[in-house]
């Protein structure tokens, strides 16, 4: 399973990437909207994406990912947790919305739903 992890906080990005790799996933990381959009030139099974990025939002990332490959799993990771934030994420294409601090077991469960043999 190929995962694009988009997170602007370097320590958080590196820690979560290590965990995902430990689970046997192939992980590409990005810290900005621009670098995430470049990464979308290749296919991903899942996008795990922060909403607030230094040069834009994760809504743009998931919208483009879903345009290119509608079956891509989209998981938003965000400090924003209002009903409006969650609804905006769903409209943009996120399948799930996890609020920071998030539960790693929940991420694993969501990824396993998409590709049971991969996680």
Protein backbone atom coordinates (compact mmCIF):
# COMPACT_ATOMS: atom_id res chain seq x y z
CA UNK A 1 0.00 0.00 0.00
CA UNK A 2 1.38 3.39 -1.03
CA UNK A 3 0.61 6.31 1.27
CA UNK A 4 1.22 10.01 0.80
CA UNK A 5 1.68 11.66 4.21
CA UNK A 6 1.30 15.43 4.14
CA UNK A 7 2.23 17.19 7.39
CA UNK A 8 4.07 20.48 7.81
CA UNK A 9 5.38 19.75 11.32
CA UNK A 10 8.63 17.89 10.62
CA UNK A 11 8.80 15.87 13.86
CA UNK A 12 5.18 14.75 13.52
CA UNK A 13 5.69 13.88 9.86
CA UNK A 14 8.85 11.89 10.56
CA UNK A 15 7.34 10.02 13.50
CA UNK A 16 4.16 9.04 11.69
CA UNK A 17 6.13 8.07 8.57
CA UNK A 18 8.31 5.74 10.67
CA UNK A 19 5.21 4.15 12.18
CA UNK A 20 3.56 3.65 8.79
CA UNK A 21 6.75 2.09 7.43
CA UNK A 22 6.92 -0.16 10.48
CA UNK A 23 3.47 -1.40 9.48
CA UNK A 24 4.94 -2.33 6.09
CA UNK A 25 3.55 0.56 4.06
CA UNK A 26 5.40 2.46 1.35
CA UNK A 27 5.36 6.11 2.44
CA UNK A 28 6.10 9.32 0.58
CA UNK A 29 6.14 12.48 2.68
CA UNK A 30 5.43 16.11 1.90
CA UNK A 31 5.50 19.19 4.10
CA UNK A 32 3.75 21.69 1.85
CA UNK A 33 0.85 21.90 -0.55
CA UNK A 34 3.30 22.37 -3.43
CA UNK A 35 5.35 19.29 -2.60
CA UNK A 36 2.19 17.22 -2.08
CA UNK A 37 0.85 18.27 -5.48
CA UNK A 38 4.16 17.25 -7.09
CA UNK A 39 3.97 13.87 -5.36
CA UNK A 40 0.51 13.26 -6.85
CA UNK A 41 2.22 12.63 -10.18
CA UNK A 42 2.38 9.02 -8.93
CA UNK A 43 -0.49 6.89 -7.62
CA UNK A 44 -1.28 6.46 -3.94
CA UNK A 45 -3.74 4.14 -2.26
CA UNK A 46 -4.19 6.56 0.63
CA UNK A 47 -3.54 10.19 1.50
CA UNK A 48 -3.06 11.14 5.15
CA UNK A 49 -3.09 14.90 5.20
CA UNK A 50 -2.95 17.84 7.57
CA UNK A 51 -5.46 20.56 6.76
CA UNK A 52 -3.42 23.68 7.59
CA UNK A 53 -0.30 23.82 5.42
CA UNK A 54 2.11 26.74 5.13
CA UNK A 55 1.21 27.40 1.48
CA UNK A 56 -2.43 26.31 1.35
CA UNK A 57 -4.73 23.62 2.70
CA UNK A 58 -5.06 19.88 2.58
CA UNK A 59 -8.42 20.35 0.86
CA UNK A 60 -6.55 21.10 -2.35
CA UNK A 61 -4.42 17.97 -1.95
CA UNK A 62 -7.36 15.61 -1.49
CA UNK A 63 -9.44 17.26 -4.21
CA UNK A 64 -6.66 16.75 -6.74
CA UNK A 65 -5.94 13.21 -5.52
CA UNK A 66 -9.61 12.23 -5.89
CA UNK A 67 -9.80 13.87 -9.32
CA UNK A 68 -6.86 11.75 -10.45
CA UNK A 69 -7.91 8.55 -8.68
CA UNK A 70 -11.39 8.60 -7.11
CA UNK A 71 -10.82 5.45 -5.04
CA UNK A 72 -7.91 6.96 -3.08
CA UNK A 73 -8.58 6.80 0.66
CA UNK A 74 -8.42 10.27 2.22
CA UNK A 75 -7.72 10.75 5.93
CA UNK A 76 -7.60 14.29 7.28
CA UNK A 77 -5.44 14.95 10.36
CA UNK A 78 -6.32 18.27 11.86
CA UNK A 79 -6.54 20.41 14.94
CA UNK A 80 -9.80 21.71 13.47
CA UNK A 81 -12.69 19.64 14.76
CA UNK A 82 -15.93 21.55 14.34
CA UNK A 83 -18.82 20.04 12.37
CA UNK A 84 -18.17 22.70 9.72
CA UNK A 85 -14.50 21.62 9.43
CA UNK A 86 -15.47 17.97 9.07
CA UNK A 87 -18.18 18.80 6.49
CA UNK A 88 -15.73 20.93 4.48
CA UNK A 89 -13.27 18.05 4.50
CA UNK A 90 -15.88 15.59 3.26
CA UNK A 91 -16.90 17.94 0.45
CA UNK A 92 -13.25 18.25 -0.55
CA UNK A 93 -12.92 14.46 -0.69
CA UNK A 94 -11.70 13.25 2.71
CA UNK A 95 -13.27 9.97 3.74
CA UNK A 96 -12.33 10.36 7.41
CA UNK A 97 -11.40 13.22 9.72
CA UNK A 98 -9.16 12.59 12.73
CA UNK A 99 -8.53 15.35 15.23
CA UNK A 100 -5.05 15.93 16.64
CA UNK A 101 -3.79 14.48 18.84
CA UNK A 102 -4.91 11.37 16.99
CA UNK A 103 -4.95 7.71 17.90
CA UNK A 104 -2.46 5.71 15.80
CA UNK A 105 -4.59 2.59 16.20
CA UNK A 106 -7.46 4.46 14.51
CA UNK A 107 -5.24 5.29 11.52
CA UNK A 108 -4.23 1.65 11.25
CA UNK A 109 -7.88 0.56 11.39
CA UNK A 110 -8.87 2.99 8.64
CA UNK A 111 -5.98 1.91 6.43
CA UNK A 112 -6.84 -1.75 7.04
CA UNK A 113 -10.41 -1.11 5.85
CA UNK A 114 -9.00 0.12 2.54
CA UNK A 115 -6.42 -2.64 2.12
CA UNK A 116 -6.83 -5.39 4.74
CA UNK A 117 -3.74 -7.30 3.68
CA UNK A 118 -1.49 -4.26 3.64
CA UNK A 119 -1.59 -3.24 7.32
